[in-house]
Amino acid sequence: MYTITVNGSKEFKTELHKQNKDVISGTLNGTEFSADIIKVREGIYHLLKDNISYNLEIVKHIPEEKKMVVKINNTSYSLDIKDKYDDLLHSLGLDNLAAKKVNDIKAPMPGMVLNILVTEGQEVKKGDPLIVLEAMKMENILKSPTDGVIKKIAITKGIAVEKNQLLIQF
């Protein structure tokens, strides 16, 4: 059993019963399905379901995060895939133990701190902007690699930093 979330909102439950070279079958939200599938070339497939033809391309596959981006008839879809073990870990509250713990942010390159976008004690989410660093006449926004709370900001606005210099501690 798999749970597939499409574009972060629509959720589908699916179970594959039979999968061979030319046919895929199973259930989708409790309804039986069967489709003919042909591999055109690596990452590109042709699917025939209920006499409707679909061109399917796997644009990006990130197996360690169980994510995919697929194009179906030239429309892109972002997929998050969870199996029964992911659901079990979530129900036990153990689903984010595998997340890498990041304790600090270091300068990826020498540069000048143009702006600090967070404060000590502030909660941040993965992807939130933290610092604007100018390097080689370009502004680079350093983003949070994880969810967390800012413990210490080790730099101030307007100072020059060296590569691998500590900027922020979580």
Protein backbone atom coordinates (compact mmCIF):
# COMPACT_ATOMS: atom_id res chain seq x y z
CA MET A 1 0.00 0.00 0.00
CA TYR A 2 1.31 3.43 -0.99
CA THR A 3 0.03 6.91 -0.23
CA ILE A 4 0.85 9.36 -3.02
CA THR A 5 0.41 13.09 -2.45
CA VAL A 6 0.21 15.06 -5.70
CA ASN A 7 1.39 18.70 -5.71
CA GLY A 8 1.24 18.78 -1.91
CA SER A 9 -2.54 18.54 -1.72
CA LYS A 10 -4.40 15.70 -3.41
CA GLU A 11 -3.84 12.29 -1.81
CA PHE A 12 -4.25 8.85 -3.39
CA LYS A 13 -4.04 5.40 -1.81
CA THR A 14 -2.79 2.74 -4.19
CA GLU A 15 -1.78 -0.87 -4.10
CA LEU A 16 -0.11 -2.66 -6.98
CA HIS A 17 -1.26 -6.26 -7.51
CA LYS A 18 0.42 -7.19 -10.72
CA GLN A 19 3.25 -5.52 -12.51
CA ASN A 20 5.00 -7.09 -15.44
CA LYS A 21 6.69 -5.85 -18.57
CA ASP A 22 3.53 -4.65 -20.35
CA VAL A 23 0.72 -4.46 -17.76
CA ILE A 24 0.29 -2.75 -14.41
CA SER A 25 -2.78 -3.37 -12.21
CA GLY A 26 -3.97 -2.73 -8.68
CA THR A 27 -6.29 -0.43 -6.77
CA LEU A 28 -6.47 3.35 -6.68
CA ASN A 29 -8.52 4.74 -3.78
CA GLY A 30 -10.27 1.35 -3.54
CA THR A 31 -11.12 1.10 -7.25
CA GLU A 32 -9.52 -1.65 -9.36
CA PHE A 33 -7.48 -0.51 -12.35
CA SER A 34 -5.40 -2.00 -15.11
CA ALA A 35 -3.25 -0.26 -17.71
CA ASP A 36 -0.90 -1.20 -20.52
CA ILE A 37 2.52 0.35 -20.18
CA ILE A 38 5.43 0.47 -22.62
CA LYS A 39 8.89 1.81 -21.84
CA VAL A 40 9.85 4.10 -24.74
CA ARG A 41 13.32 4.83 -23.38
CA GLU A 42 14.92 5.51 -19.99
CA GLY A 43 12.48 7.60 -17.91
CA ILE A 44 9.84 7.85 -20.67
CA TYR A 45 6.77 5.62 -20.86
CA HIS A 46 3.56 5.30 -22.83
CA LEU A 47 0.48 4.32 -20.83
CA LEU A 48 -2.91 3.16 -22.13
CA LYS A 49 -5.76 3.13 -19.60
CA ASP A 50 -9.48 2.91 -20.47
CA ASN A 51 -8.58 3.50 -24.14
CA ILE A 52 -6.93 6.83 -23.26
CA SER A 53 -3.29 7.35 -24.16
CA TYR A 54 -0.85 9.05 -21.76
CA ASN A 55 2.78 10.06 -22.26
CA LEU A 56 4.64 9.82 -18.96
CA GLU A 57 8.12 11.20 -18.28
CA ILE A 58 10.00 10.87 -15.02
CA VAL A 59 11.62 14.32 -14.76
CA LYS A 60 13.24 13.93 -11.33
CA HIS A 61 13.49 11.05 -8.88
CA ILE A 62 14.83 11.55 -5.35
CA PRO A 63 14.66 8.07 -3.81
CA GLU A 64 16.10 9.04 -0.39
CA GLU A 65 13.28 11.58 0.06
CA LYS A 66 10.70 9.40 -1.74
CA LYS A 67 9.83 12.24 -4.12
CA MET A 68 9.31 12.40 -7.87
CA VAL A 69 8.45 14.96 -10.49
CA VAL A 70 6.62 13.49 -13.46
CA LYS A 71 5.17 14.95 -16.63
CA ILE A 72 1.94 13.42 -17.89
CA ASN A 73 0.99 14.71 -21.34
CA ASN A 74 3.31 17.73 -20.74
CA THR A 75 1.76 18.68 -17.38
CA SER A 76 4.17 18.45 -14.42
CA TYR A 77 3.19 16.86 -11.11
CA SER A 78 5.19 16.69 -7.88
CA LEU A 79 4.71 13.38 -6.06
CA ASP A 80 5.46 12.50 -2.42
CA ILE A 81 5.31 8.73 -1.95
CA LYS A 82 4.88 6.97 1.38
CA ASP A 83 4.68 3.24 1.98
CA LYS A 84 3.23 1.27 4.92
CA TYR A 85 6.50 1.61 6.85
CA ASP A 86 6.46 5.41 6.56
CA ASP A 87 2.88 5.40 7.89
CA LEU A 88 3.91 3.13 10.79
CA LEU A 89 6.88 5.34 11.71
CA HIS A 90 4.62 8.41 11.58
CA SER A 91 2.01 6.78 13.83
CA LEU A 92 4.76 5.95 16.36
CA GLY A 93 6.18 9.49 16.18
CA LEU A 94 9.48 8.23 14.78
CA ASP A 95 9.20 9.65 11.26
CA ASN A 96 11.79 12.42 11.55
CA LEU A 97 14.57 10.52 13.33
CA ALA A 98 16.32 9.96 10.02
CA ALA A 99 16.58 13.69 9.35
CA LYS A 100 20.15 14.89 9.49
CA LYS A 101 20.73 17.13 12.49
CA VAL A 102 22.32 20.42 11.48
CA ASN A 103 23.87 22.37 14.34
CA ASP A 104 25.43 25.30 12.51
CA ILE A 105 25.61 27.23 9.26
CA LYS A 106 29.04 28.09 7.91
CA ALA A 107 29.97 30.46 5.11
CA PRO A 108 30.08 28.53 1.82
CA MET A 109 32.50 31.11 0.38
CA PRO A 110 34.31 34.30 1.41
CA GLY A 111 32.11 37.37 1.26
CA MET A 112 30.41 40.32 2.95
CA VAL A 113 27.35 39.97 5.20
CA LEU A 114 24.78 42.34 3.66
CA ASN A 115 21.84 41.42 5.84
CA ILE A 116 20.84 39.07 8.66
CA LEU A 117 17.22 38.04 8.24
CA VAL A 118 16.73 36.19 11.56
CA THR A 119 17.24 36.84 15.27
CA GLU A 120 18.46 34.66 18.13
CA GLY A 121 15.63 32.56 19.56
CA GLN A 122 13.65 32.71 16.32
CA GLU A 123 12.08 29.50 14.99
CA VAL A 124 12.85 28.76 11.35
CA LYS A 125 11.60 26.18 8.88
CA LYS A 126 13.63 24.37 6.24
CA GLY A 127 14.16 26.75 3.31
CA ASP A 128 13.62 29.98 5.27
CA PRO A 129 16.11 32.73 4.29
CA LEU A 130 18.72 33.41 7.00
CA ILE A 131 21.50 35.62 5.66
CA VAL A 132 22.26 37.66 2.55
CA LEU A 133 25.93 37.17 1.67
CA GLU A 134 27.64 39.12 -1.11
CA ALA A 135 30.37 37.21 -2.89
CA MET A 136 31.99 38.07 -6.22
CA LYS A 137 29.53 40.98 -6.69
CA MET A 138 26.54 38.64 -6.39
CA GLU A 139 24.02 38.46 -3.57
CA ASN A 140 23.52 34.93 -2.20
CA ILE A 141 20.67 34.11 0.15
CA LEU A 142 21.66 31.38 2.59
CA LYS A 143 18.61 29.32 3.56
CA SER A 144 17.93 27.07 6.52
CA PRO A 145 18.75 23.43 5.77
CA THR A 146 16.41 22.24 8.53
CA ASP A 147 13.66 23.24 10.95
CA GLY A 148 15.02 24.62 14.21
CA VAL A 149 15.57 27.51 16.62
CA ILE A 150 18.42 30.00 16.17
CA LYS A 151 20.66 29.69 19.25
CA LYS A 152 23.42 32.12 18.30
CA ILE A 153 24.25 34.51 15.47
CA ALA A 154 28.04 34.64 15.28
CA ILE A 155 28.36 37.51 12.78
CA THR A 156 27.10 41.06 12.34
CA LYS A 157 25.84 42.97 9.34
CA GLY A 158 28.58 44.55 7.23
CA ILE A 159 31.50 42.29 8.20
CA ALA A 160 33.63 40.20 5.86
CA VAL A 161 33.59 36.43 6.41
CA GLU A 162 35.93 33.67 5.27
CA LYS A 163 34.94 30.32 3.81
CA ASN A 164 33.76 27.88 6.54
CA GLN A 165 33.46 30.66 9.13
CA LEU A 166 30.63 30.01 11.61
CA LEU A 167 27.60 32.19 10.86
CA ILE A 168 24.68 30.73 12.83
CA GLN A 169 24.24 27.99 15.45
CA PHE A 170 21.04 26.00 15.89
